[in-house]
């Protein structure tokens, strides 16, 4: 699988480390939630089918964090950008 780093260009997936779901938000007040809520937040994740936004670190390159929209069924990378970019892939796989 090839992933396009916005700063280094297209690279092999082996240069990247998966960082998790890009939509998962840490609780605003961690001290105010129960232990069970923490367990749910950390361990219970959806397993989406189709396009999904993920965070990856270019750990063997520039070390930057990037957002990747990847089809979890085919592993096709549909779009990449900075971690805070709103990505909407078009037919070419480039961001709009």
PDB file of N, CA and C in Angstrom:
ATOM      1  N   UNK A   1       0.847  -1.167   0.000  1.00  0.00           N
ATOM      2  CA  UNK A   1       0.000   0.000   0.000  1.00  0.00           C
ATOM      3  C   UNK A   1       0.898   1.238   0.000  1.00  0.00           C
ATOM      4  N   UNK A   2       0.613   2.186  -0.864  1.00  0.00           N
ATOM      5  CA  UNK A   2       1.351   3.446  -0.925  1.00  0.00           C
ATOM      6  C   UNK A   2       0.524   4.548  -0.280  1.00  0.00           C
ATOM      7  N   UNK A   3       1.186   5.381   0.516  1.00  0.00           N
ATOM      8  CA  UNK A   3       0.545   6.510   1.190  1.00  0.00           C
ATOM      9  C   UNK A   3       1.285   7.772   0.778  1.00  0.00           C
ATOM     10  N   UNK A   4       0.530   8.796   0.374  1.00  0.00           N
ATOM     11  CA  UNK A   4       1.147  10.064  -0.028  1.00  0.00           C
ATOM     12  C   UNK A   4       1.268  10.972   1.192  1.00  0.00           C
ATOM     13  N   UNK A   5       2.502  11.206   1.619  1.00  0.00           N
ATOM     14  CA  UNK A   5       2.769  12.176   2.680  1.00  0.00           C
ATOM     15  C   UNK A   5       2.682  13.559   2.047  1.00  0.00           C
ATOM     16  N   UNK A   6       1.944  14.496   2.658  1.00  0.00           N
ATOM     17  CA  UNK A   6       1.834  15.837   2.074  1.00  0.00           C
ATOM     18  C   UNK A   6       3.179  16.561   1.962  1.00  0.00           C
ATOM     19  N   UNK A   7       4.175  16.126   2.750  1.00  0.00           N
ATOM     20  CA  UNK A   7       5.463  16.810   2.762  1.00  0.00           C
ATOM     21  C   UNK A   7       6.554  16.041   2.016  1.00  0.00           C
ATOM     22  N   UNK A   8       6.480  14.712   2.001  1.00  0.00           N
ATOM     23  CA  UNK A   8       7.542  13.894   1.399  1.00  0.00           C
ATOM     24  C   UNK A   8       7.144  13.218   0.098  1.00  0.00           C
ATOM     25  N   UNK A   9       5.867  13.227  -0.228  1.00  0.00           N
ATOM     26  CA  UNK A   9       5.401  12.545  -1.428  1.00  0.00           C
ATOM     27  C   UNK A   9       4.980  11.115  -1.131  1.00  0.00           C
ATOM     28  N   UNK A  10       4.784  10.341  -2.194  1.00  0.00           N
ATOM     29  CA  UNK A  10       4.291   8.971  -2.069  1.00  0.00           C
ATOM     30  C   UNK A  10       5.365   8.052  -1.495  1.00  0.00           C
ATOM     31  N   UNK A  11       4.975   7.291  -0.473  1.00  0.00           N
ATOM     32  CA  UNK A  11       5.904   6.382   0.201  1.00  0.00           C
ATOM     33  C   UNK A  11       5.199   5.060   0.505  1.00  0.00           C
ATOM     34  N   UNK A  12       5.988   4.016   0.744  1.00  0.00           N
ATOM     35  CA  UNK A  12       5.438   2.716   1.095  1.00  0.00           C
ATOM     36  C   UNK A  12       4.859   2.756   2.507  1.00  0.00           C
ATOM     37  N   UNK A  13       3.832   1.969   2.727  1.00  0.00           N
ATOM     38  CA  UNK A  13       3.166   1.919   4.025  1.00  0.00           C
ATOM     39  C   UNK A  13       4.127   1.544   5.154  1.00  0.00           C
ATOM     40  N   UNK A  14       5.197   0.814   4.854  1.00  0.00           N
ATOM     41  CA  UNK A  14       6.145   0.391   5.884  1.00  0.00           C
ATOM     42  C   UNK A  14       6.846   1.572   6.554  1.00  0.00           C
ATOM     43  N   UNK A  15       6.807   2.755   5.937  1.00  0.00           N
ATOM     44  CA  UNK A  15       7.407   3.953   6.536  1.00  0.00           C
ATOM     45  C   UNK A  15       6.476   4.618   7.546  1.00  0.00           C
ATOM     46  N   UNK A  16       5.227   4.146   7.649  1.00  0.00           N
ATOM     47  CA  UNK A  16       4.216   4.792   8.477  1.00  0.00           C
ATOM     48  C   UNK A  16       3.799   3.898   9.636  1.00  0.00           C
ATOM     49  N   UNK A  17       3.328   4.532  10.699  1.00  0.00           N
ATOM     50  CA  UNK A  17       2.773   3.835  11.852  1.00  0.00           C
ATOM     51  C   UNK A  17       1.328   4.274  12.017  1.00  0.00           C
ATOM     52  N   UNK A  18       0.423   3.296  12.102  1.00  0.00           N
ATOM     53  CA  UNK A  18      -1.003   3.585  12.268  1.00  0.00           C
ATOM     54  C   UNK A  18      -1.246   4.223  13.622  1.00  0.00           C
ATOM     55  N   UNK A  19      -2.026   5.310  13.643  1.00  0.00           N
ATOM     56  CA  UNK A  19      -2.280   6.025  14.883  1.00  0.00           C
ATOM     57  C   UNK A  19      -3.706   5.969  15.372  1.00  0.00           C
ATOM     58  N   UNK A  20      -4.609   5.380  14.595  1.00  0.00           N
ATOM     59  CA  UNK A  20      -5.980   5.242  15.069  1.00  0.00           C
ATOM     60  C   UNK A  20      -6.993   6.029  14.266  1.00  0.00           C
ATOM     61  N   UNK A  21      -8.210   5.974  14.744  1.00  0.00           N
ATOM     62  CA  UNK A  21      -9.364   6.622  14.136  1.00  0.00           C
ATOM     63  C   UNK A  21      -9.213   8.141  14.234  1.00  0.00           C
ATOM     64  N   UNK A  22      -9.312   8.835  13.111  1.00  0.00           N
ATOM     65  CA  UNK A  22      -9.152  10.293  13.108  1.00  0.00           C
ATOM     66  C   UNK A  22     -10.341  11.009  13.729  1.00  0.00           C
ATOM     67  N   UNK A  23     -11.468  10.319  13.881  1.00  0.00           N
ATOM     68  CA  UNK A  23     -12.658  10.954  14.441  1.00  0.00           C
ATOM     69  C   UNK A  23     -12.786  10.740  15.948  1.00  0.00           C
ATOM     70  N   UNK A  24     -11.987   9.848  16.520  1.00  0.00           N
ATOM     71  CA  UNK A  24     -12.076   9.573  17.956  1.00  0.00           C
ATOM     72  C   UNK A  24     -11.595  10.791  18.739  1.00  0.00           C
ATOM     73  N   UNK A  25     -12.442  11.275  19.623  1.00  0.00           N
ATOM     74  CA  UNK A  25     -12.110  12.463  20.412  1.00  0.00           C
ATOM     75  C   UNK A  25     -11.908  12.072  21.877  1.00  0.00           C
ATOM     76  N   UNK A  26     -10.839  12.570  22.469  1.00  0.00           N
ATOM     77  CA  UNK A  26     -10.574  12.343  23.888  1.00  0.00           C
ATOM     78  C   UNK A  26     -11.633  13.097  24.696  1.00  0.00           C
ATOM     79  N   UNK A  27     -12.107  12.520  25.796  1.00  0.00           N
ATOM     80  CA  UNK A  27     -13.100  13.221  26.624  1.00  0.00           C
ATOM     81  C   UNK A  27     -12.576  14.576  27.095  1.00  0.00           C
ATOM     82  N   UNK A  28     -13.448  15.579  27.107  1.00  0.00           N
ATOM     83  CA  UNK A  28     -13.051  16.939  27.492  1.00  0.00           C
ATOM     84  C   UNK A  28     -12.546  16.988  28.928  1.00  0.00           C
ATOM     85  N   UNK A  29     -13.185  16.266  29.835  1.00  0.00           N
ATOM     86  CA  UNK A  29     -12.775  16.247  31.239  1.00  0.00           C
ATOM     87  C   UNK A  29     -12.539  14.791  31.653  1.00  0.00           C
ATOM     88  N   UNK A  30     -11.319  14.285  31.460  1.00  0.00           N
ATOM     89  CA  UNK A  30     -11.048  12.873  31.743  1.00  0.00           C
ATOM     90  C   UNK A  30     -11.338  12.459  33.185  1.00  0.00           C
ATOM     91  N   UNK A  31     -11.199  13.390  34.130  1.00  0.00           N
ATOM     92  CA  UNK A  31     -11.441  13.056  35.534  1.00  0.00           C
ATOM     93  C   UNK A  31     -12.922  12.876  35.844  1.00  0.00           C
ATOM     94  N   UNK A  32     -13.785  13.366  34.965  1.00  0.00           N
ATOM     95  CA  UNK A  32     -15.225  13.329  35.224  1.00  0.00           C
ATOM     96  C   UNK A  32     -15.910  12.081  34.675  1.00  0.00           C
ATOM     97  N   UNK A  33     -15.182  11.228  33.961  1.00  0.00           N
ATOM     98  CA  UNK A  33     -15.843  10.044  33.401  1.00  0.00           C
ATOM     99  C   UNK A  33     -15.470   8.791  34.189  1.00  0.00           C
ATOM    100  N   UNK A  34     -16.325   7.809  34.116  1.00  0.00           N
ATOM    101  CA  UNK A  34     -16.127   6.576  34.872  1.00  0.00           C
ATOM    102  C   UNK A  34     -15.044   5.702  34.243  1.00  0.00           C
ATOM    103  N   UNK A  35     -14.614   4.733  35.012  1.00  0.00           N
ATOM    104  CA  UNK A  35     -13.628   3.770  34.512  1.00  0.00           C
ATOM    105  C   UNK A  35     -14.195   3.014  33.309  1.00  0.00           C
ATOM    106  N   UNK A  36     -15.477   2.654  33.373  1.00  0.00           N
ATOM    107  CA  UNK A  36     -16.126   1.937  32.273  1.00  0.00           C
ATOM    108  C   UNK A  36     -16.140   2.781  31.001  1.00  0.00           C
ATOM    109  N   UNK A  37     -16.359   4.082  31.152  1.00  0.00           N
ATOM    110  CA  UNK A  37     -16.351   4.978  29.986  1.00  0.00           C
ATOM    111  C   UNK A  37     -14.954   5.046  29.374  1.00  0.00           C
ATOM    112  N   UNK A  38     -13.907   5.029  30.225  1.00  0.00           N
ATOM    113  CA  UNK A  38     -12.537   5.016  29.709  1.00  0.00           C
ATOM    114  C   UNK A  38     -12.255   3.732  28.938  1.00  0.00           C
ATOM    115  N   UNK A  39     -12.695   2.610  29.487  1.00  0.00           N
ATOM    116  CA  UNK A  39     -12.505   1.323  28.805  1.00  0.00           C
ATOM    117  C   UNK A  39     -13.184   1.364  27.442  1.00  0.00           C
ATOM    118  N   UNK A  40     -14.417   1.863  27.399  1.00  0.00           N
ATOM    119  CA  UNK A  40     -15.131   1.980  26.126  1.00  0.00           C
ATOM    120  C   UNK A  40     -14.372   2.877  25.151  1.00  0.00           C
ATOM    121  N   UNK A  41     -13.874   4.012  25.639  1.00  0.00           N
ATOM    122  CA  UNK A  41     -13.166   4.966  24.780  1.00  0.00           C
ATOM    123  C   UNK A  41     -11.882   4.356  24.203  1.00  0.00           C
ATOM    124  N   UNK A  42     -11.150   3.624  25.015  1.00  0.00           N
ATOM    125  CA  UNK A  42      -9.852   3.098  24.590  1.00  0.00           C
ATOM    126  C   UNK A  42      -9.967   1.811  23.777  1.00  0.00           C
ATOM    127  N   UNK A  43     -10.841   0.902  24.194  1.00  0.00           N
ATOM    128  CA  UNK A  43     -10.840  -0.439  23.602  1.00  0.00           C
ATOM    129  C   UNK A  43     -11.994  -0.750  22.656  1.00  0.00           C
ATOM    130  N   UNK A  44     -13.136  -0.129  22.834  1.00  0.00           N
ATOM    131  CA  UNK A  44     -14.293  -0.468  22.006  1.00  0.00           C
ATOM    132  C   UNK A  44     -14.388   0.496  20.835  1.00  0.00           C
ATOM    133  N   UNK A  45     -14.019   0.017  19.678  1.00  0.00           N
ATOM    134  CA  UNK A  45     -14.010   0.840  18.468  1.00  0.00           C
ATOM    135  C   UNK A  45     -14.900   0.218  17.409  1.00  0.00           C
ATOM    136  N   UNK A  46     -15.460   1.069  16.588  1.00  0.00           N
ATOM    137  CA  UNK A  46     -16.216   0.590  15.436  1.00  0.00           C
ATOM    138  C   UNK A  46     -15.231  -0.002  14.433  1.00  0.00           C
ATOM    139  N   UNK A  47     -15.693  -0.924  13.653  1.00  0.00           N
ATOM    140  CA  UNK A  47     -14.875  -1.522  12.603  1.00  0.00           C
ATOM    141  C   UNK A  47     -15.557  -1.196  11.275  1.00  0.00           C
ATOM    142  N   UNK A  48     -15.394   0.047  10.791  1.00  0.00           N
ATOM    143  CA  UNK A  48     -16.154   0.495   9.619  1.00  0.00           C
ATOM    144  C   UNK A  48     -15.748  -0.225   8.336  1.00  0.00           C
ATOM    145  N   UNK A  49     -16.710  -0.344   7.452  1.00  0.00           N
ATOM    146  CA  UNK A  49     -16.467  -0.926   6.135  1.00  0.00           C
ATOM    147  C   UNK A  49     -16.603   0.196   5.118  1.00  0.00           C
ATOM    148  N   UNK A  50     -15.567   0.384   4.293  1.00  0.00           N
ATOM    149  CA  UNK A  50     -15.590   1.451   3.295  1.00  0.00           C
ATOM    150  C   UNK A  50     -14.657   2.584   3.681  1.00  0.00           C
ATOM    151  N   UNK A  51     -14.843   3.774   3.098  1.00  0.00           N
ATOM    152  CA  UNK A  51     -13.959   4.913   3.374  1.00  0.00           C
ATOM    153  C   UNK A  51     -13.979   5.307   4.853  1.00  0.00           C
ATOM    154  N   UNK A  52     -12.782   5.511   5.402  1.00  0.00           N
ATOM    155  CA  UNK A  52     -12.656   5.835   6.821  1.00  0.00           C
ATOM    156  C   UNK A  52     -11.424   6.715   7.021  1.00  0.00           C
ATOM    157  N   UNK A  53     -11.550   7.764   7.836  1.00  0.00           N
ATOM    158  CA  UNK A  53     -10.434   8.673   8.120  1.00  0.00           C
ATOM    159  C   UNK A  53      -9.607   8.121   9.279  1.00  0.00           C
ATOM    160  N   UNK A  54      -8.288   8.046   9.055  1.00  0.00           N
ATOM    161  CA  UNK A  54      -7.365   7.502  10.048  1.00  0.00           C
ATOM    162  C   UNK A  54      -6.174   8.444  10.214  1.00  0.00           C
ATOM    163  N   UNK A  55      -5.522   8.355  11.365  1.00  0.00           N
ATOM    164  CA  UNK A  55      -4.282   9.092  11.593  1.00  0.00           C
ATOM    165  C   UNK A  55      -3.109   8.131  11.439  1.00  0.00           C
ATOM    166  N   UNK A  56      -2.077   8.580  10.735  1.00  0.00           N
ATOM    167  CA  UNK A  56      -0.849   7.814  10.537  1.00  0.00           C
ATOM    168  C   UNK A  56       0.330   8.748  10.799  1.00  0.00           C
ATOM    169  N   UNK A  57       1.422   8.211  11.348  1.00  0.00           N
ATOM    170  CA  UNK A  57       2.646   8.992  11.520  1.00  0.00           C
ATOM    171  C   UNK A  57       3.682   8.499  10.521  1.00  0.00           C
ATOM    172  N   UNK A  58       4.320   9.448   9.832  1.00  0.00           N
ATOM    173  CA  UNK A  58       5.385   9.092   8.889  1.00  0.00           C
ATOM    174  C   UNK A  58       6.650   8.851   9.714  1.00  0.00           C
ATOM    175  N   UNK A  59       6.661   7.747  10.443  1.00  0.00           N
ATOM    176  CA  UNK A  59       7.697   7.465  11.440  1.00  0.00           C
ATOM    177  C   UNK A  59       9.080   7.206  10.857  1.00  0.00           C
ATOM    178  N   UNK A  60       9.170   6.731   9.621  1.00  0.00           N
ATOM    179  CA  UNK A  60      10.479   6.495   9.000  1.00  0.00           C
ATOM    180  C   UNK A  60      10.808   7.577   7.979  1.00  0.00           C
ATOM    181  N   UNK A  61      10.126   8.703   8.089  1.00  0.00           N
ATOM    182  CA  UNK A  61      10.353   9.823   7.173  1.00  0.00           C
ATOM    183  C   UNK A  61      10.418  11.120   7.952  1.00  0.00           C
ATOM    184  N   UNK A  62       9.512  12.029   7.652  1.00  0.00           N
ATOM    185  CA  UNK A  62       9.524  13.360   8.271  1.00  0.00           C
ATOM    186  C   UNK A  62       8.949  13.369   9.688  1.00  0.00           C
ATOM    187  N   UNK A  63       8.374  12.240  10.145  1.00  0.00           N
ATOM    188  CA  UNK A  63       7.800  12.054  11.479  1.00  0.00           C
ATOM    189  C   UNK A  63       6.523  12.855  11.704  1.00  0.00           C
ATOM    190  N   UNK A  64       5.970  13.459  10.670  1.00  0.00           N
ATOM    191  CA  UNK A  64       4.735  14.229  10.801  1.00  0.00           C
ATOM    192  C   UNK A  64       3.529  13.297  10.889  1.00  0.00           C
ATOM    193  N   UNK A  65       2.478  13.771  11.554  1.00  0.00           N
ATOM    194  CA  UNK A  65       1.203  13.070  11.589  1.00  0.00           C
ATOM    195  C   UNK A  65       0.389  13.516  10.392  1.00  0.00           C
ATOM    196  N   UNK A  66      -0.282  12.561   9.744  1.00  0.00           N
ATOM    197  CA  UNK A  66      -1.134  12.884   8.604  1.00  0.00           C
ATOM    198  C   UNK A  66      -2.481  12.187   8.767  1.00  0.00           C
ATOM    199  N   UNK A  67      -3.476  12.728   8.076  1.00  0.00           N
ATOM    200  CA  UNK A  67      -4.786  12.089   8.019  1.00  0.00           C
ATOM    201  C   UNK A  67      -4.880  11.367   6.685  1.00  0.00           C
ATOM    202  N   UNK A  68      -5.351  10.129   6.732  1.00  0.00           N
ATOM    203  CA  UNK A  68      -5.495   9.298   5.539  1.00  0.00           C
ATOM    204  C   UNK A  68      -6.943   8.833   5.455  1.00  0.00           C
ATOM    205  N   UNK A  69      -7.591   9.062   4.313  1.00  0.00           N
ATOM    206  CA  UNK A  69      -8.900   8.459   4.067  1.00  0.00           C
ATOM    207  C   UNK A  69      -8.624   7.203   3.260  1.00  0.00           C
ATOM    208  N   UNK A  70      -8.963   6.057   3.871  1.00  0.00           N
ATOM    209  CA  UNK A  70      -8.644   4.759   3.279  1.00  0.00           C
ATOM    210  C   UNK A  70      -9.903   3.910   3.230  1.00  0.00           C
ATOM    211  N   UNK A  71     -10.095   3.211   2.120  1.00  0.00           N
ATOM    212  CA  UNK A  71     -11.200   2.265   2.021  1.00  0.00           C
ATOM    213  C   UNK A  71     -10.767   1.005   2.761  1.00  0.00           C
ATOM    214  N   UNK A  72     -11.442   0.695   3.856  1.00  0.00           N
ATOM    215  CA  UNK A  72     -11.028  -0.437   4.686  1.00  0.00           C
ATOM    216  C   UNK A  72     -11.313  -1.786   4.034  1.00  0.00           C
ATOM    217  N   UNK A  73     -12.109  -1.798   2.974  1.00  0.00           N
ATOM    218  CA  UNK A  73     -12.389  -3.044   2.266  1.00  0.00           C
ATOM    219  C   UNK A  73     -11.291  -3.364   1.260  1.00  0.00           C
ATOM    220  N   UNK A  74     -10.849  -2.355   0.509  1.00  0.00           N
ATOM    221  CA  UNK A  74      -9.857  -2.565  -0.552  1.00  0.00           C
ATOM    222  C   UNK A  74      -8.461  -2.082  -0.171  1.00  0.00           C
ATOM    223  N   UNK A  75      -8.335  -1.332   0.910  1.00  0.00           N
ATOM    224  CA  UNK A  75      -7.094  -0.695   1.374  1.00  0.00           C
ATOM    225  C   UNK A  75      -6.618   0.409   0.428  1.00  0.00           C
ATOM    226  N   UNK A  76      -7.465   0.830  -0.489  1.00  0.00           N
ATOM    227  CA  UNK A  76      -7.111   1.934  -1.386  1.00  0.00           C
ATOM    228  C   UNK A  76      -7.075   3.236  -0.592  1.00  0.00           C
ATOM    229  N   UNK A  77      -5.989   3.996  -0.755  1.00  0.00           N
ATOM    230  CA  UNK A  77      -5.878   5.306  -0.124  1.00  0.00           C
ATOM    231  C   UNK A  77      -6.587   6.306  -1.028  1.00  0.00           C
ATOM    232  N   UNK A  78      -7.635   6.941  -0.493  1.00  0.00           N
ATOM    233  CA  UNK A  78      -8.463   7.851  -1.279  1.00  0.00           C
ATOM    234  C   UNK A  78      -8.005   9.300  -1.178  1.00  0.00           C
ATOM    235  N   UNK A  79      -7.436   9.689  -0.040  1.00  0.00           N
ATOM    236  CA  UNK A  79      -6.980  11.072   0.147  1.00  0.00           C
ATOM    237  C   UNK A  79      -6.042  11.129   1.343  1.00  0.00           C
ATOM    238  N   UNK A  80      -5.137  12.104   1.326  1.00  0.00           N
ATOM    239  CA  UNK A  80      -4.259  12.348   2.465  1.00  0.00           C
ATOM    240  C   UNK A  80      -4.127  13.847   2.668  1.00  0.00           C
ATOM    241  N   UNK A  81      -3.763  14.231   3.877  1.00  0.00           N
ATOM    242  CA  UNK A  81      -3.562  15.642   4.179  1.00  0.00           C
ATOM    243  C   UNK A  81      -3.031  15.790   5.592  1.00  0.00           C
ATOM    244  N   UNK A  82      -2.967  17.025   6.044  1.00  0.00           N
ATOM    245  CA  UNK A  82      -2.550  17.290   7.410  1.00  0.00           C
ATOM    246  C   UNK A  82      -3.583  16.754   8.387  1.00  0.00           C
ATOM    247  N   UNK A  83      -3.213  16.582   9.659  1.00  0.00           N
ATOM    248  CA  UNK A  83      -4.122  15.967  10.624  1.00  0.00           C
ATOM    249  C   UNK A  83      -5.404  16.752  10.877  1.00  0.00           C
ATOM    250  N   UNK A  84      -5.403  18.044  10.599  1.00  0.00           N
ATOM    251  CA  UNK A  84      -6.597  18.857  10.838  1.00  0.00           C
ATOM    252  C   UNK A  84      -7.335  19.208   9.553  1.00  0.00           C
ATOM    253  N   UNK A  85      -6.866  18.697   8.416  1.00  0.00           N
ATOM    254  CA  UNK A  85      -7.517  18.982   7.132  1.00  0.00           C
ATOM    255  C   UNK A  85      -8.841  18.242   7.015  1.00  0.00           C
ATOM    256  N   UNK A  86      -9.817  18.897   6.399  1.00  0.00           N
ATOM    257  CA  UNK A  86     -11.079  18.245   6.049  1.00  0.00           C
ATOM    258  C   UNK A  86     -10.874  17.624   4.676  1.00  0.00           C
ATOM    259  N   UNK A  87     -10.887  16.315   4.605  1.00  0.00           N
ATOM    260  CA  UNK A  87     -10.589  15.626   3.351  1.00  0.00           C
ATOM    261  C   UNK A  87     -11.863  15.119   2.699  1.00  0.00           C
ATOM    262  N   UNK A  88     -12.029  15.450   1.436  1.00  0.00           N
ATOM    263  CA  UNK A  88     -13.160  14.965   0.639  1.00  0.00           C
ATOM    264  C   UNK A  88     -12.590  14.449  -0.671  1.00  0.00           C
ATOM    265  N   UNK A  89     -12.339  13.143  -0.770  1.00  0.00           N
ATOM    266  CA  UNK A  89     -11.718  12.619  -1.985  1.00  0.00           C
ATOM    267  C   UNK A  89     -12.638  12.715  -3.188  1.00  0.00           C
ATOM    268  N   UNK A  90     -12.066  13.056  -4.331  1.00  0.00           N
ATOM    269  CA  UNK A  90     -12.828  13.044  -5.580  1.00  0.00           C
ATOM    270  C   UNK A  90     -12.436  11.793  -6.362  1.00  0.00           C
ATOM    271  N   UNK A  91     -12.844  11.692  -7.570  1.00  0.00           N
ATOM    272  CA  UNK A  91     -12.628  10.477  -8.365  1.00  0.00           C
ATOM    273  C   UNK A  91     -11.155  10.176  -8.616  1.00  0.00           C
ATOM    274  N   UNK A  92     -10.269  11.171  -8.543  1.00  0.00           N
ATOM    275  CA  UNK A  92      -8.851  10.942  -8.816  1.00  0.00           C
ATOM    276  C   UNK A  92      -8.069  10.566  -7.565  1.00  0.00           C
ATOM    277  N   UNK A  93      -8.708  10.662  -6.380  1.00  0.00           N
ATOM    278  CA  UNK A  93      -8.001  10.367  -5.140  1.00  0.00           C
ATOM    279  C   UNK A  93      -7.318  11.586  -4.557  1.00  0.00           C
ATOM    280  N   UNK A  94      -7.355  12.705  -5.266  1.00  0.00           N
ATOM    281  CA  UNK A  94      -6.790  13.948  -4.741  1.00  0.00           C
ATOM    282  C   UNK A  94      -7.847  14.651  -3.899  1.00  0.00           C
ATOM    283  N   UNK A  95      -7.408  15.480  -2.973  1.00  0.00           N
ATOM    284  CA  UNK A  95      -8.369  16.197  -2.148  1.00  0.00           C
ATOM    285  C   UNK A  95      -8.953  17.362  -2.917  1.00  0.00           C
ATOM    286  N   UNK A  96     -10.207  17.646  -2.651  1.00  0.00           N
ATOM    287  CA  UNK A  96     -10.910  18.735  -3.351  1.00  0.00           C
ATOM    288  C   UNK A  96     -10.645  20.067  -2.689  1.00  0.00           C
TER     289      UNK A  96
END
